[in-house]
């Protein structure tokens, strides 16, 4: 990571910014929502709340002050201005922010949601932070510098993916709801080839679990950058391997092609064969 482009102090600031925004804008609204506070975007699964919008505004304001030259890409801002996504590959420095990942969980009163941000340089992810507002800790990753969890007190614990296991013993997160038919039904019919499958409606926690070695594999289809760029780097820096369904390399500007994350290339191949045939 270029010392002049984005420093370790910048990463610490980013983590603090996510934590402060979550503490001030998300947690006071948790389990206090009424029907009018949640608004449908593209489907009944895709909703937005006042917490999403207030947290994003706070994070983007802080980033704008510290990095006035950077491109800022927030999930809710992109809902209003989709063209923002086109800047990812060319921007010298960009921040991609998901203010409240797992909004449906949050709106349901389920304490399984997170606040995520990734940092990109010319389309490559160079740093990431995923904050858990409930536990008040943050997972960090620096490209080439590892991944770790940091508590509110500053204590650090390194992250490491689980050792490779046979596919029939893998516990995996498998999101099939965005797969087109008939592929969705075909993949769902193959889920029993893995040891156990789950889906938590929250990529922030799913990536944290995989990076910590508590989940063996992840399988996704829809690839909005705020959902995956931070987690992809976290998993990679924790020792994992990831690629699109066809084996090509992931970049945050890619919004299709699916993504499989596993312990290593052999495990990736095993998951792909088990689920995609």
C-alpha atoms as a PDB file:
ATOM      1  CA  UNK A   1       0.000   0.000   0.000  1.00  0.00           C
ATOM      2  CA  UNK A   2       1.447   3.348  -1.034  1.00  0.00           C
ATOM      3  CA  UNK A   3       2.473   5.347   2.023  1.00  0.00           C
ATOM      4  CA  UNK A   4       1.605   8.606   0.266  1.00  0.00           C
ATOM      5  CA  UNK A   5      -1.756   7.400  -1.065  1.00  0.00           C
ATOM      6  CA  UNK A   6      -3.285   5.811   2.029  1.00  0.00           C
ATOM      7  CA  UNK A   7      -1.454   5.276   5.307  1.00  0.00           C
ATOM      8  CA  UNK A   8      -1.956   3.146   8.405  1.00  0.00           C
ATOM      9  CA  UNK A   9      -3.083   6.338  10.170  1.00  0.00           C
ATOM     10  CA  UNK A  10      -5.704   6.782   7.459  1.00  0.00           C
ATOM     11  CA  UNK A  11      -6.925   3.244   8.077  1.00  0.00           C
ATOM     12  CA  UNK A  12      -7.178   3.892  11.816  1.00  0.00           C
ATOM     13  CA  UNK A  13      -9.153   7.053  11.045  1.00  0.00           C
ATOM     14  CA  UNK A  14     -11.468   5.078   8.756  1.00  0.00           C
ATOM     15  CA  UNK A  15     -12.140   2.508  11.457  1.00  0.00           C
ATOM     16  CA  UNK A  16     -12.825   5.218  14.017  1.00  0.00           C
ATOM     17  CA  UNK A  17     -15.126   6.999  11.583  1.00  0.00           C
ATOM     18  CA  UNK A  18     -17.181   3.845  10.967  1.00  0.00           C
ATOM     19  CA  UNK A  19     -17.378   3.141  14.708  1.00  0.00           C
ATOM     20  CA  UNK A  20     -18.477   6.680  15.567  1.00  0.00           C
ATOM     21  CA  UNK A  21     -21.102   6.810  12.825  1.00  0.00           C
ATOM     22  CA  UNK A  22     -22.470   3.424  13.874  1.00  0.00           C
ATOM     23  CA  UNK A  23     -22.577   4.408  17.546  1.00  0.00           C
ATOM     24  CA  UNK A  24     -24.280   7.735  16.878  1.00  0.00           C
ATOM     25  CA  UNK A  25     -26.516   6.997  13.899  1.00  0.00           C
ATOM     26  CA  UNK A  26     -27.261   3.271  13.879  1.00  0.00           C
ATOM     27  CA  UNK A  27     -27.434   1.963  17.437  1.00  0.00           C
ATOM     28  CA  UNK A  28     -29.823   4.645  18.823  1.00  0.00           C
ATOM     29  CA  UNK A  29     -32.281   3.575  16.086  1.00  0.00           C
ATOM     30  CA  UNK A  30     -31.888  -0.173  16.625  1.00  0.00           C
ATOM     31  CA  UNK A  31     -35.139  -1.843  17.715  1.00  0.00           C
ATOM     32  CA  UNK A  32     -36.956   1.509  17.658  1.00  0.00           C
ATOM     33  CA  UNK A  33     -38.052   1.406  14.005  1.00  0.00           C
ATOM     34  CA  UNK A  34     -41.647   1.844  12.963  1.00  0.00           C
ATOM     35  CA  UNK A  35     -43.174   0.943   9.637  1.00  0.00           C
ATOM     36  CA  UNK A  36     -42.554   4.416   8.196  1.00  0.00           C
ATOM     37  CA  UNK A  37     -38.819   4.168   8.959  1.00  0.00           C
ATOM     38  CA  UNK A  38     -38.164   1.383   6.449  1.00  0.00           C
ATOM     39  CA  UNK A  39     -38.597   2.041   2.756  1.00  0.00           C
ATOM     40  CA  UNK A  40     -38.511  -0.423  -0.107  1.00  0.00           C
ATOM     41  CA  UNK A  41     -35.903   0.142  -2.831  1.00  0.00           C
ATOM     42  CA  UNK A  42     -35.851  -2.547  -5.526  1.00  0.00           C
ATOM     43  CA  UNK A  43     -37.643  -5.387  -3.710  1.00  0.00           C
ATOM     44  CA  UNK A  44     -38.992  -6.532  -0.348  1.00  0.00           C
ATOM     45  CA  UNK A  45     -35.462  -7.768   0.435  1.00  0.00           C
ATOM     46  CA  UNK A  46     -33.840  -4.460  -0.576  1.00  0.00           C
ATOM     47  CA  UNK A  47     -34.883  -1.772   1.877  1.00  0.00           C
ATOM     48  CA  UNK A  48     -33.429   1.421   3.306  1.00  0.00           C
ATOM     49  CA  UNK A  49     -33.921   3.064   6.695  1.00  0.00           C
ATOM     50  CA  UNK A  50     -33.114   6.406   8.255  1.00  0.00           C
ATOM     51  CA  UNK A  51     -30.124   4.698   9.885  1.00  0.00           C
ATOM     52  CA  UNK A  52     -28.624   3.766   6.487  1.00  0.00           C
ATOM     53  CA  UNK A  53     -28.904   7.316   5.216  1.00  0.00           C
ATOM     54  CA  UNK A  54     -27.722   9.059   8.393  1.00  0.00           C
ATOM     55  CA  UNK A  55     -24.723   6.744   8.817  1.00  0.00           C
ATOM     56  CA  UNK A  56     -23.664   7.138   5.195  1.00  0.00           C
ATOM     57  CA  UNK A  57     -23.919  10.924   5.409  1.00  0.00           C
ATOM     58  CA  UNK A  58     -21.717  10.935   8.519  1.00  0.00           C
ATOM     59  CA  UNK A  59     -19.078   8.605   7.030  1.00  0.00           C
ATOM     60  CA  UNK A  60     -18.900  10.432   3.702  1.00  0.00           C
ATOM     61  CA  UNK A  61     -18.643  13.798   5.449  1.00  0.00           C
ATOM     62  CA  UNK A  62     -15.687  12.575   7.495  1.00  0.00           C
ATOM     63  CA  UNK A  63     -13.954  11.112   4.445  1.00  0.00           C
ATOM     64  CA  UNK A  64     -14.552  14.272   2.432  1.00  0.00           C
ATOM     65  CA  UNK A  65     -12.784  16.319   5.097  1.00  0.00           C
ATOM     66  CA  UNK A  66      -9.746  14.022   5.362  1.00  0.00           C
ATOM     67  CA  UNK A  67      -9.516  13.005   1.681  1.00  0.00           C
ATOM     68  CA  UNK A  68     -10.971  15.876  -0.363  1.00  0.00           C
ATOM     69  CA  UNK A  69      -9.391  14.511  -3.556  1.00  0.00           C
ATOM     70  CA  UNK A  70     -10.930  11.025  -3.273  1.00  0.00           C
ATOM     71  CA  UNK A  71     -13.953   9.635  -5.069  1.00  0.00           C
ATOM     72  CA  UNK A  72     -16.651   8.729  -2.529  1.00  0.00           C
ATOM     73  CA  UNK A  73     -19.077   5.951  -3.426  1.00  0.00           C
ATOM     74  CA  UNK A  74     -21.858   5.210  -0.957  1.00  0.00           C
ATOM     75  CA  UNK A  75     -24.573   2.616  -1.463  1.00  0.00           C
ATOM     76  CA  UNK A  76     -27.393   5.070  -0.881  1.00  0.00           C
ATOM     77  CA  UNK A  77     -25.719   7.786  -2.971  1.00  0.00           C
ATOM     78  CA  UNK A  78     -25.439   5.294  -5.836  1.00  0.00           C
ATOM     79  CA  UNK A  79     -29.133   4.540  -5.577  1.00  0.00           C
ATOM     80  CA  UNK A  80     -29.682   8.187  -6.505  1.00  0.00           C
ATOM     81  CA  UNK A  81     -26.718   8.493  -8.899  1.00  0.00           C
ATOM     82  CA  UNK A  82     -25.729   5.101 -10.385  1.00  0.00           C
ATOM     83  CA  UNK A  83     -23.015   6.684 -12.553  1.00  0.00           C
ATOM     84  CA  UNK A  84     -20.810   6.971  -9.447  1.00  0.00           C
ATOM     85  CA  UNK A  85     -19.925   3.296  -9.911  1.00  0.00           C
ATOM     86  CA  UNK A  86     -18.207   4.022 -13.204  1.00  0.00           C
ATOM     87  CA  UNK A  87     -15.425   5.910 -11.389  1.00  0.00           C
ATOM     88  CA  UNK A  88     -14.007   2.904  -9.519  1.00  0.00           C
ATOM     89  CA  UNK A  89     -11.485   1.692 -12.091  1.00  0.00           C
ATOM     90  CA  UNK A  90      -9.982   5.106 -12.891  1.00  0.00           C
ATOM     91  CA  UNK A  91      -9.970   6.836  -9.501  1.00  0.00           C
ATOM     92  CA  UNK A  92      -6.539   7.358  -7.957  1.00  0.00           C
ATOM     93  CA  UNK A  93      -8.183   6.923  -4.569  1.00  0.00           C
ATOM     94  CA  UNK A  94     -11.769   5.888  -3.875  1.00  0.00           C
ATOM     95  CA  UNK A  95     -13.809   4.864  -0.856  1.00  0.00           C
ATOM     96  CA  UNK A  96     -16.726   2.455  -1.241  1.00  0.00           C
ATOM     97  CA  UNK A  97     -19.084   2.583   1.739  1.00  0.00           C
ATOM     98  CA  UNK A  98     -21.925   0.341   2.868  1.00  0.00           C
ATOM     99  CA  UNK A  99     -23.347   2.257   5.829  1.00  0.00           C
ATOM    100  CA  UNK A 100     -25.606  -0.531   7.052  1.00  0.00           C
ATOM    101  CA  UNK A 101     -25.114  -3.989   5.568  1.00  0.00           C
ATOM    102  CA  UNK A 102     -27.855  -6.348   6.702  1.00  0.00           C
ATOM    103  CA  UNK A 103     -30.552  -3.676   6.747  1.00  0.00           C
ATOM    104  CA  UNK A 104     -33.320  -6.303   6.713  1.00  0.00           C
ATOM    105  CA  UNK A 105     -31.830  -7.864   9.873  1.00  0.00           C
ATOM    106  CA  UNK A 106     -31.506  -4.433  11.477  1.00  0.00           C
ATOM    107  CA  UNK A 107     -35.102  -3.522  10.632  1.00  0.00           C
ATOM    108  CA  UNK A 108     -36.241  -6.890  12.031  1.00  0.00           C
ATOM    109  CA  UNK A 109     -34.480  -6.296  15.342  1.00  0.00           C
ATOM    110  CA  UNK A 110     -31.853  -8.969  14.659  1.00  0.00           C
ATOM    111  CA  UNK A 111     -28.357  -7.934  15.897  1.00  0.00           C
ATOM    112  CA  UNK A 112     -26.590  -9.100  12.748  1.00  0.00           C
ATOM    113  CA  UNK A 113     -25.543  -6.095  10.678  1.00  0.00           C
ATOM    114  CA  UNK A 114     -22.402  -4.119   9.976  1.00  0.00           C
ATOM    115  CA  UNK A 115     -20.832  -1.005   8.513  1.00  0.00           C
ATOM    116  CA  UNK A 116     -18.243  -1.544   5.764  1.00  0.00           C
ATOM    117  CA  UNK A 117     -15.772   0.497   3.750  1.00  0.00           C
ATOM    118  CA  UNK A 118     -13.130  -0.440   1.225  1.00  0.00           C
ATOM    119  CA  UNK A 119     -10.368   1.714  -0.205  1.00  0.00           C
ATOM    120  CA  UNK A 120      -9.384   1.353  -3.845  1.00  0.00           C
ATOM    121  CA  UNK A 121      -6.573   2.702  -5.995  1.00  0.00           C
ATOM    122  CA  UNK A 122      -7.086   2.477  -9.762  1.00  0.00           C
ATOM    123  CA  UNK A 123      -9.678  -0.228  -9.226  1.00  0.00           C
ATOM    124  CA  UNK A 124      -7.607  -2.381  -6.842  1.00  0.00           C
ATOM    125  CA  UNK A 125      -8.701  -2.833  -3.223  1.00  0.00           C
ATOM    126  CA  UNK A 126      -5.871  -1.677  -0.958  1.00  0.00           C
ATOM    127  CA  UNK A 127      -7.562  -1.501   2.459  1.00  0.00           C
ATOM    128  CA  UNK A 128     -10.787  -2.446   4.177  1.00  0.00           C
ATOM    129  CA  UNK A 129     -12.698  -2.097   7.425  1.00  0.00           C
ATOM    130  CA  UNK A 130     -15.825  -3.946   8.579  1.00  0.00           C
ATOM    131  CA  UNK A 131     -17.318  -2.693  11.839  1.00  0.00           C
ATOM    132  CA  UNK A 132     -19.750  -4.607  14.033  1.00  0.00           C
ATOM    133  CA  UNK A 133     -21.898  -1.948  15.768  1.00  0.00           C
ATOM    134  CA  UNK A 134     -23.263  -4.416  18.331  1.00  0.00           C
ATOM    135  CA  UNK A 135     -19.911  -5.769  19.531  1.00  0.00           C
ATOM    136  CA  UNK A 136     -18.167  -2.452  18.788  1.00  0.00           C
ATOM    137  CA  UNK A 137     -15.161  -4.117  17.161  1.00  0.00           C
ATOM    138  CA  UNK A 138     -13.698  -3.724  13.684  1.00  0.00           C
ATOM    139  CA  UNK A 139     -12.076  -6.120  11.226  1.00  0.00           C
ATOM    140  CA  UNK A 140      -9.272  -4.501   9.206  1.00  0.00           C
ATOM    141  CA  UNK A 141      -7.226  -5.550   6.202  1.00  0.00           C
ATOM    142  CA  UNK A 142      -4.310  -3.960   4.360  1.00  0.00           C
ATOM    143  CA  UNK A 143      -3.287  -5.303   0.980  1.00  0.00           C
ATOM    144  CA  UNK A 144      -0.097  -7.262   1.598  1.00  0.00           C
ATOM    145  CA  UNK A 145      -0.267  -6.479   5.314  1.00  0.00           C
ATOM    146  CA  UNK A 146      -2.655  -9.032   6.760  1.00  0.00           C
ATOM    147  CA  UNK A 147      -6.056  -8.929   8.446  1.00  0.00           C
ATOM    148  CA  UNK A 148      -7.056  -8.568  12.068  1.00  0.00           C
ATOM    149  CA  UNK A 149      -9.902  -7.802  14.495  1.00  0.00           C
ATOM    150  CA  UNK A 150      -9.482  -4.791  16.743  1.00  0.00           C
ATOM    151  CA  UNK A 151     -11.598  -4.276  19.854  1.00  0.00           C
ATOM    152  CA  UNK A 152     -12.813  -0.917  21.125  1.00  0.00           C
ATOM    153  CA  UNK A 153      -9.927  -0.999  23.625  1.00  0.00           C
ATOM    154  CA  UNK A 154      -7.393  -1.383  20.809  1.00  0.00           C
ATOM    155  CA  UNK A 155      -6.550  -5.062  21.374  1.00  0.00           C
ATOM    156  CA  UNK A 156      -5.717  -6.850  18.117  1.00  0.00           C
ATOM    157  CA  UNK A 157      -6.199 -10.467  17.105  1.00  0.00           C
ATOM    158  CA  UNK A 158      -5.005 -11.751  13.711  1.00  0.00           C
ATOM    159  CA  UNK A 159      -7.488 -13.322  11.307  1.00  0.00           C
ATOM    160  CA  UNK A 160      -6.797 -16.620   9.546  1.00  0.00           C
ATOM    161  CA  UNK A 161      -9.101 -18.665   7.323  1.00  0.00           C
ATOM    162  CA  UNK A 162      -9.860 -22.245   8.330  1.00  0.00           C
ATOM    163  CA  UNK A 163      -7.627 -25.059   7.072  1.00  0.00           C
ATOM    164  CA  UNK A 164      -8.844 -26.794   3.932  1.00  0.00           C
ATOM    165  CA  UNK A 165     -11.299 -29.669   4.426  1.00  0.00           C
ATOM    166  CA  UNK A 166     -13.100 -31.958   1.962  1.00  0.00           C
ATOM    167  CA  UNK A 167     -16.150 -30.348   0.381  1.00  0.00           C
ATOM    168  CA  UNK A 168     -18.528 -32.741   2.165  1.00  0.00           C
ATOM    169  CA  UNK A 169     -17.251 -31.369   5.500  1.00  0.00           C
ATOM    170  CA  UNK A 170     -17.395 -27.686   4.576  1.00  0.00           C
ATOM    171  CA  UNK A 171     -19.702 -25.225   6.294  1.00  0.00           C
ATOM    172  CA  UNK A 172     -20.543 -22.579   3.728  1.00  0.00           C
ATOM    173  CA  UNK A 173     -22.527 -19.417   3.200  1.00  0.00           C
ATOM    174  CA  UNK A 174     -24.442 -19.887  -0.054  1.00  0.00           C
ATOM    175  CA  UNK A 175     -26.522 -17.059  -1.453  1.00  0.00           C
ATOM    176  CA  UNK A 176     -28.646 -18.309  -4.338  1.00  0.00           C
ATOM    177  CA  UNK A 177     -31.458 -15.758  -4.362  1.00  0.00           C
ATOM    178  CA  UNK A 178     -29.889 -13.665  -7.133  1.00  0.00           C
ATOM    179  CA  UNK A 179     -29.047 -16.592  -9.430  1.00  0.00           C
ATOM    180  CA  UNK A 180     -31.119 -16.775 -12.622  1.00  0.00           C
ATOM    181  CA  UNK A 181     -33.316 -19.779 -13.245  1.00  0.00           C
ATOM    182  CA  UNK A 182     -32.801 -22.617 -13.928  1.00  0.00           C
ATOM    183  CA  UNK A 183     -29.344 -22.212 -12.346  1.00  0.00           C
ATOM    184  CA  UNK A 184     -30.808 -21.195  -8.988  1.00  0.00           C
ATOM    185  CA  UNK A 185     -32.827 -24.386  -8.705  1.00  0.00           C
ATOM    186  CA  UNK A 186     -29.866 -26.471  -9.900  1.00  0.00           C
ATOM    187  CA  UNK A 187     -27.541 -25.003  -7.252  1.00  0.00           C
ATOM    188  CA  UNK A 188     -30.174 -25.360  -4.527  1.00  0.00           C
ATOM    189  CA  UNK A 189     -30.534 -29.028  -5.454  1.00  0.00           C
ATOM    190  CA  UNK A 190     -26.782 -29.531  -4.918  1.00  0.00           C
ATOM    191  CA  UNK A 191     -26.494 -27.893  -1.483  1.00  0.00           C
ATOM    192  CA  UNK A 192     -26.392 -31.254   0.281  1.00  0.00           C
ATOM    193  CA  UNK A 193     -23.013 -31.925  -1.351  1.00  0.00           C
ATOM    194  CA  UNK A 194     -21.567 -29.564   1.270  1.00  0.00           C
ATOM    195  CA  UNK A 195     -21.521 -30.345   4.952  1.00  0.00           C
ATOM    196  CA  UNK A 196     -23.747 -27.418   5.985  1.00  0.00           C
ATOM    197  CA  UNK A 197     -25.036 -24.266   4.303  1.00  0.00           C
ATOM    198  CA  UNK A 198     -26.357 -20.996   5.691  1.00  0.00           C
ATOM    199  CA  UNK A 199     -27.193 -17.469   4.577  1.00  0.00           C
ATOM    200  CA  UNK A 200     -27.254 -14.671   7.152  1.00  0.00           C
ATOM    201  CA  UNK A 201     -28.533 -11.759   5.005  1.00  0.00           C
ATOM    202  CA  UNK A 202     -25.376  -9.871   5.972  1.00  0.00           C
ATOM    203  CA  UNK A 203     -22.170 -10.049   3.937  1.00  0.00           C
ATOM    204  CA  UNK A 204     -20.336  -8.026   6.612  1.00  0.00           C
ATOM    205  CA  UNK A 205     -20.665 -10.846   9.133  1.00  0.00           C
ATOM    206  CA  UNK A 206     -20.350 -13.608   6.565  1.00  0.00           C
ATOM    207  CA  UNK A 207     -16.957 -12.302   5.435  1.00  0.00           C
ATOM    208  CA  UNK A 208     -15.828 -11.776   9.013  1.00  0.00           C
ATOM    209  CA  UNK A 209     -16.744 -15.361   9.871  1.00  0.00           C
ATOM    210  CA  UNK A 210     -14.882 -16.718   6.847  1.00  0.00           C
ATOM    211  CA  UNK A 211     -11.787 -14.623   7.565  1.00  0.00           C
ATOM    212  CA  UNK A 212     -11.807 -15.804  11.184  1.00  0.00           C
ATOM    213  CA  UNK A 213     -11.951 -19.469  10.180  1.00  0.00           C
ATOM    214  CA  UNK A 214     -15.518 -20.030  11.410  1.00  0.00           C
ATOM    215  CA  UNK A 215     -16.935 -20.650   7.899  1.00  0.00           C
ATOM    216  CA  UNK A 216     -15.131 -22.660   5.214  1.00  0.00           C
ATOM    217  CA  UNK A 217     -16.513 -21.100   2.045  1.00  0.00           C
ATOM    218  CA  UNK A 218     -18.675 -18.322   0.626  1.00  0.00           C
ATOM    219  CA  UNK A 219     -20.752 -18.421  -2.571  1.00  0.00           C
ATOM    220  CA  UNK A 220     -22.359 -15.296  -4.024  1.00  0.00           C
ATOM    221  CA  UNK A 221     -23.804 -14.174  -7.342  1.00  0.00           C
ATOM    222  CA  UNK A 222     -24.774 -10.473  -7.258  1.00  0.00           C
ATOM    223  CA  UNK A 223     -21.641  -8.362  -6.741  1.00  0.00           C
ATOM    224  CA  UNK A 224     -22.322  -4.784  -5.739  1.00  0.00           C
ATOM    225  CA  UNK A 225     -18.946  -3.359  -4.639  1.00  0.00           C
ATOM    226  CA  UNK A 226     -20.122  -2.125  -1.227  1.00  0.00           C
ATOM    227  CA  UNK A 227     -21.195  -5.684  -0.387  1.00  0.00           C
ATOM    228  CA  UNK A 228     -17.997  -7.474  -1.418  1.00  0.00           C
ATOM    229  CA  UNK A 229     -14.882  -5.328  -1.920  1.00  0.00           C
ATOM    230  CA  UNK A 230     -14.071  -4.964   1.791  1.00  0.00           C
ATOM    231  CA  UNK A 231     -14.853  -8.586   2.614  1.00  0.00           C
ATOM    232  CA  UNK A 232     -12.925  -9.917  -0.380  1.00  0.00           C
ATOM    233  CA  UNK A 233      -9.746  -8.199   0.845  1.00  0.00           C
ATOM    234  CA  UNK A 234     -10.359  -9.280   4.443  1.00  0.00           C
ATOM    235  CA  UNK A 235     -10.667 -12.908   3.336  1.00  0.00           C
ATOM    236  CA  UNK A 236      -7.655 -12.680   1.012  1.00  0.00           C
ATOM    237  CA  UNK A 237      -5.409 -11.144   3.664  1.00  0.00           C
ATOM    238  CA  UNK A 238      -6.531 -13.814   6.128  1.00  0.00           C
ATOM    239  CA  UNK A 239      -5.012 -16.372   3.756  1.00  0.00           C
ATOM    240  CA  UNK A 240      -7.998 -17.287   1.605  1.00  0.00           C
ATOM    241  CA  UNK A 241      -8.506 -17.689  -2.133  1.00  0.00           C
ATOM    242  CA  UNK A 242     -11.356 -16.177  -4.142  1.00  0.00           C
ATOM    243  CA  UNK A 243     -12.381 -15.787  -7.770  1.00  0.00           C
ATOM    244  CA  UNK A 244     -15.418 -15.439  -9.993  1.00  0.00           C
ATOM    245  CA  UNK A 245     -17.395 -18.567 -10.786  1.00  0.00           C
ATOM    246  CA  UNK A 246     -15.387 -18.992 -14.004  1.00  0.00           C
ATOM    247  CA  UNK A 247     -12.070 -18.686 -12.137  1.00  0.00           C
ATOM    248  CA  UNK A 248     -11.178 -15.164 -13.249  1.00  0.00           C
ATOM    249  CA  UNK A 249      -9.918 -12.573 -10.776  1.00  0.00           C
ATOM    250  CA  UNK A 250     -12.327 -10.351  -8.849  1.00  0.00           C
ATOM    251  CA  UNK A 251     -12.249  -6.553  -9.071  1.00  0.00           C
ATOM    252  CA  UNK A 252     -14.647  -4.210  -7.254  1.00  0.00           C
ATOM    253  CA  UNK A 253     -15.866  -2.732 -10.555  1.00  0.00           C
ATOM    254  CA  UNK A 254     -17.228  -6.174 -11.522  1.00  0.00           C
ATOM    255  CA  UNK A 255     -20.932  -6.500 -10.795  1.00  0.00           C
ATOM    256  CA  UNK A 256     -21.505  -9.930 -12.290  1.00  0.00           C
ATOM    257  CA  UNK A 257     -19.726 -13.269 -12.579  1.00  0.00           C
ATOM    258  CA  UNK A 258     -20.386 -14.437  -9.050  1.00  0.00           C
ATOM    259  CA  UNK A 259     -17.775 -15.028  -6.362  1.00  0.00           C
ATOM    260  CA  UNK A 260     -16.516 -18.071  -4.477  1.00  0.00           C
ATOM    261  CA  UNK A 261     -14.211 -17.707  -1.459  1.00  0.00           C
ATOM    262  CA  UNK A 262     -12.466 -20.724   0.048  1.00  0.00           C
ATOM    263  CA  UNK A 263      -9.314 -21.754   1.890  1.00  0.00           C
ATOM    264  CA  UNK A 264      -7.210 -22.309  -1.238  1.00  0.00           C
ATOM    265  CA  UNK A 265      -7.469 -22.931  -4.979  1.00  0.00           C
ATOM    266  CA  UNK A 266      -8.212 -26.633  -4.552  1.00  0.00           C
ATOM    267  CA  UNK A 267     -11.044 -25.842  -2.138  1.00  0.00           C
ATOM    268  CA  UNK A 268     -12.364 -23.213  -4.572  1.00  0.00           C
ATOM    269  CA  UNK A 269     -12.407 -25.815  -7.342  1.00  0.00           C
ATOM    270  CA  UNK A 270     -14.188 -28.287  -5.079  1.00  0.00           C
ATOM    271  CA  UNK A 271     -16.929 -25.800  -4.148  1.00  0.00           C
ATOM    272  CA  UNK A 272     -17.371 -24.748  -7.749  1.00  0.00           C
ATOM    273  CA  UNK A 273     -17.684 -28.354  -8.911  1.00  0.00           C
ATOM    274  CA  UNK A 274     -20.096 -29.233  -6.104  1.00  0.00           C
ATOM    275  CA  UNK A 275     -22.461 -26.305  -6.661  1.00  0.00           C
ATOM    276  CA  UNK A 276     -22.093 -25.445 -10.333  1.00  0.00           C
ATOM    277  CA  UNK A 277     -21.465 -28.924 -11.705  1.00  0.00           C
END
